[in-house]
Amino acid sequence: MKTYGNLSGTSGVTAYEIEDEGILVEFNRDKIYRYTYTSAGRGAVEMMKTLAQQGRGLSTYISRNVKERYEEIVK
């Protein structure tokens, strides 16, 4: 997994991994969630990928738009 940039310094996201049709997001070095096209929608997942790579806004986007639409908790 790649370390999340956390440019704001206040994000709960610590790492991410981009998959072909999804993204893994680690929160607070504790839980890892898999969001997929099937669970969250293609548009939301692609936005999450963009935000993850930019290092800003991912946690806020998830809490406001994606919420509990993850496919599974990996860890």
N, C-alpha and C. Protein backbone atom coordinates (compact mmCIF):
# COMPACT_ATOMS: atom_id res chain seq x y z
N MET A 1 0.85 -1.18 0.00
CA MET A 1 0.00 0.00 0.00
C MET A 1 0.89 1.24 0.00
N LYS A 2 0.37 2.31 -0.58
CA LYS A 2 1.08 3.58 -0.62
C LYS A 2 0.64 4.45 0.56
N THR A 3 1.56 5.17 1.12
CA THR A 3 1.22 6.10 2.19
C THR A 3 0.42 7.26 1.61
N TYR A 4 -0.67 7.59 2.27
CA TYR A 4 -1.52 8.71 1.83
C TYR A 4 -0.82 10.02 2.17
N GLY A 5 -0.84 10.97 1.25
CA GLY A 5 -0.16 12.24 1.42
C GLY A 5 -0.63 13.06 2.60
N ASN A 6 -1.91 13.04 2.89
CA ASN A 6 -2.49 13.76 4.03
C ASN A 6 -1.99 15.21 4.10
N LEU A 7 -2.17 15.93 3.01
CA LEU A 7 -1.67 17.30 2.93
C LEU A 7 -2.34 18.23 3.94
N SER A 8 -3.55 17.91 4.36
CA SER A 8 -4.22 18.74 5.36
C SER A 8 -3.68 18.47 6.76
N GLY A 9 -3.11 17.29 6.95
CA GLY A 9 -2.58 16.92 8.25
C GLY A 9 -3.62 16.42 9.23
N THR A 10 -4.87 16.30 8.80
CA THR A 10 -5.94 15.91 9.73
C THR A 10 -6.72 14.67 9.27
N SER A 11 -6.29 14.03 8.21
CA SER A 11 -7.04 12.90 7.65
C SER A 11 -6.92 11.65 8.49
N GLY A 12 -7.97 10.86 8.51
CA GLY A 12 -7.94 9.55 9.13
C GLY A 12 -7.39 8.50 8.19
N VAL A 13 -7.24 8.84 6.90
CA VAL A 13 -6.68 7.91 5.92
C VAL A 13 -5.17 7.89 6.08
N THR A 14 -4.60 6.68 6.14
CA THR A 14 -3.15 6.56 6.28
C THR A 14 -2.49 5.93 5.06
N ALA A 15 -3.22 5.11 4.29
CA ALA A 15 -2.64 4.46 3.12
C ALA A 15 -3.75 4.06 2.16
N TYR A 16 -3.35 3.74 0.94
CA TYR A 16 -4.31 3.31 -0.08
C TYR A 16 -3.61 2.42 -1.09
N GLU A 17 -4.40 1.66 -1.83
CA GLU A 17 -3.90 0.86 -2.94
C GLU A 17 -4.95 0.87 -4.04
N ILE A 18 -4.54 1.26 -5.21
CA ILE A 18 -5.45 1.34 -6.34
C ILE A 18 -5.51 -0.02 -7.04
N GLU A 19 -6.73 -0.47 -7.30
CA GLU A 19 -6.98 -1.69 -8.04
C GLU A 19 -7.66 -1.32 -9.35
N ASP A 20 -7.76 -2.27 -10.27
CA ASP A 20 -8.38 -1.98 -11.57
C ASP A 20 -9.79 -1.42 -11.42
N GLU A 21 -10.61 -2.07 -10.61
CA GLU A 21 -12.00 -1.65 -10.45
C GLU A 21 -12.33 -1.34 -9.00
N GLY A 22 -11.34 -0.83 -8.28
CA GLY A 22 -11.57 -0.51 -6.88
C GLY A 22 -10.39 0.18 -6.24
N ILE A 23 -10.52 0.38 -4.95
CA ILE A 23 -9.46 0.99 -4.16
C ILE A 23 -9.54 0.46 -2.73
N LEU A 24 -8.39 0.18 -2.16
CA LEU A 24 -8.30 -0.17 -0.75
C LEU A 24 -7.91 1.09 0.00
N VAL A 25 -8.57 1.35 1.11
CA VAL A 25 -8.28 2.54 1.90
C VAL A 25 -8.07 2.11 3.35
N GLU A 26 -6.91 2.49 3.90
CA GLU A 26 -6.60 2.20 5.29
C GLU A 26 -6.87 3.44 6.14
N PHE A 27 -7.61 3.24 7.22
CA PHE A 27 -7.93 4.32 8.15
C PHE A 27 -7.17 4.11 9.45
N ASN A 28 -6.48 5.14 9.89
CA ASN A 28 -5.81 5.15 11.20
C ASN A 28 -4.93 3.92 11.46
N ARG A 29 -4.29 3.43 10.41
CA ARG A 29 -3.41 2.25 10.51
C ARG A 29 -4.09 1.08 11.21
N ASP A 30 -5.40 0.99 11.04
CA ASP A 30 -6.17 -0.01 11.76
C ASP A 30 -7.01 -0.86 10.80
N LYS A 31 -7.98 -0.26 10.19
CA LYS A 31 -8.92 -0.97 9.32
C LYS A 31 -8.64 -0.65 7.85
N ILE A 32 -8.77 -1.66 6.99
CA ILE A 32 -8.63 -1.48 5.55
C ILE A 32 -9.96 -1.87 4.90
N TYR A 33 -10.50 -0.93 4.12
CA TYR A 33 -11.77 -1.14 3.43
C TYR A 33 -11.54 -1.22 1.93
N ARG A 34 -12.26 -2.14 1.27
CA ARG A 34 -12.22 -2.23 -0.19
C ARG A 34 -13.51 -1.62 -0.75
N TYR A 35 -13.35 -0.60 -1.58
CA TYR A 35 -14.45 0.03 -2.30
C TYR A 35 -14.32 -0.37 -3.76
N THR A 36 -15.41 -0.83 -4.36
CA THR A 36 -15.36 -1.29 -5.75
C THR A 36 -16.42 -0.60 -6.59
N TYR A 37 -16.29 -0.77 -7.89
CA TYR A 37 -17.31 -0.24 -8.80
C TYR A 37 -18.68 -0.79 -8.41
N THR A 38 -18.73 -2.06 -8.02
CA THR A 38 -20.00 -2.69 -7.67
C THR A 38 -20.59 -2.11 -6.39
N SER A 39 -19.76 -1.87 -5.39
CA SER A 39 -20.28 -1.42 -4.09
C SER A 39 -20.53 0.08 -4.04
N ALA A 40 -19.62 0.87 -4.59
CA ALA A 40 -19.71 2.33 -4.43
C ALA A 40 -20.02 3.07 -5.73
N GLY A 41 -19.91 2.38 -6.85
CA GLY A 41 -20.14 3.02 -8.14
C GLY A 41 -18.83 3.44 -8.79
N ARG A 42 -18.77 3.34 -10.10
CA ARG A 42 -17.56 3.65 -10.84
C ARG A 42 -17.11 5.10 -10.62
N GLY A 43 -18.04 6.04 -10.71
CA GLY A 43 -17.69 7.45 -10.56
C GLY A 43 -17.09 7.75 -9.20
N ALA A 44 -17.68 7.20 -8.16
CA ALA A 44 -17.17 7.43 -6.80
C ALA A 44 -15.79 6.83 -6.63
N VAL A 45 -15.59 5.62 -7.13
CA VAL A 45 -14.29 4.96 -6.98
C VAL A 45 -13.21 5.72 -7.76
N GLU A 46 -13.54 6.17 -8.96
CA GLU A 46 -12.55 6.92 -9.74
C GLU A 46 -12.21 8.25 -9.05
N MET A 47 -13.19 8.89 -8.44
CA MET A 47 -12.91 10.12 -7.68
C MET A 47 -12.02 9.81 -6.48
N MET A 48 -12.28 8.69 -5.80
CA MET A 48 -11.46 8.30 -4.66
C MET A 48 -10.02 8.04 -5.10
N LYS A 49 -9.84 7.42 -6.25
CA LYS A 49 -8.49 7.17 -6.77
C LYS A 49 -7.77 8.49 -7.01
N THR A 50 -8.46 9.44 -7.62
CA THR A 50 -7.87 10.75 -7.89
C THR A 50 -7.48 11.46 -6.60
N LEU A 51 -8.39 11.49 -5.65
CA LEU A 51 -8.11 12.15 -4.37
C LEU A 51 -6.98 11.47 -3.62
N ALA A 52 -6.92 10.15 -3.68
CA ALA A 52 -5.85 9.41 -3.01
C ALA A 52 -4.50 9.81 -3.59
N GLN A 53 -4.42 9.90 -4.90
CA GLN A 53 -3.16 10.26 -5.55
C GLN A 53 -2.79 11.72 -5.28
N GLN A 54 -3.78 12.58 -5.10
CA GLN A 54 -3.52 13.98 -4.80
C GLN A 54 -3.14 14.19 -3.33
N GLY A 55 -3.52 13.24 -2.47
CA GLY A 55 -3.18 13.33 -1.06
C GLY A 55 -4.03 14.30 -0.27
N ARG A 56 -5.21 14.61 -0.76
CA ARG A 56 -6.06 15.57 -0.07
C ARG A 56 -7.53 15.30 -0.39
N GLY A 57 -8.38 15.29 0.65
CA GLY A 57 -9.82 15.23 0.46
C GLY A 57 -10.45 13.85 0.45
N LEU A 58 -9.66 12.80 0.54
CA LEU A 58 -10.22 11.45 0.43
C LEU A 58 -11.15 11.10 1.59
N SER A 59 -10.72 11.33 2.80
CA SER A 59 -11.55 11.00 3.97
C SER A 59 -12.87 11.78 3.95
N THR A 60 -12.79 13.05 3.63
CA THR A 60 -13.99 13.89 3.57
C THR A 60 -14.93 13.39 2.47
N TYR A 61 -14.38 13.05 1.32
CA TYR A 61 -15.21 12.56 0.22
C TYR A 61 -15.92 11.27 0.62
N ILE A 62 -15.19 10.36 1.25
CA ILE A 62 -15.80 9.10 1.68
C ILE A 62 -16.91 9.37 2.69
N SER A 63 -16.65 10.21 3.68
CA SER A 63 -17.67 10.44 4.73
C SER A 63 -18.89 11.17 4.20
N ARG A 64 -18.73 12.01 3.20
CA ARG A 64 -19.86 12.77 2.66
C ARG A 64 -20.60 12.07 1.53
N ASN A 65 -19.90 11.26 0.74
CA ASN A 65 -20.50 10.72 -0.47
C ASN A 65 -20.59 9.20 -0.54
N VAL A 66 -19.60 8.52 -0.01
CA VAL A 66 -19.56 7.06 -0.17
C VAL A 66 -20.11 6.35 1.07
N LYS A 67 -19.78 6.87 2.21
CA LYS A 67 -20.25 6.37 3.51
C LYS A 67 -19.96 4.88 3.67
N GLU A 68 -20.97 4.07 3.86
CA GLU A 68 -20.80 2.65 4.15
C GLU A 68 -20.83 1.76 2.92
N ARG A 69 -20.63 2.33 1.75
CA ARG A 69 -20.74 1.53 0.51
C ARG A 69 -19.42 0.84 0.15
N TYR A 70 -18.79 0.22 1.11
CA TYR A 70 -17.60 -0.58 0.85
C TYR A 70 -18.02 -2.01 0.58
N GLU A 71 -17.17 -2.72 -0.14
CA GLU A 71 -17.47 -4.12 -0.45
C GLU A 71 -17.15 -5.04 0.71
N GLU A 72 -16.02 -4.77 1.35
CA GLU A 72 -15.60 -5.61 2.47
C GLU A 72 -14.58 -4.89 3.32
N ILE A 73 -14.45 -5.37 4.55
CA ILE A 73 -13.36 -4.93 5.41
C ILE A 73 -12.28 -5.99 5.27
N VAL A 74 -11.13 -5.58 4.75
CA VAL A 74 -10.05 -6.52 4.47
C VAL A 74 -9.28 -6.86 5.74
N LYS A 75 -9.13 -5.87 6.59
CA LYS A 75 -8.38 -6.05 7.85
C LYS A 75 -9.09 -5.30 8.95
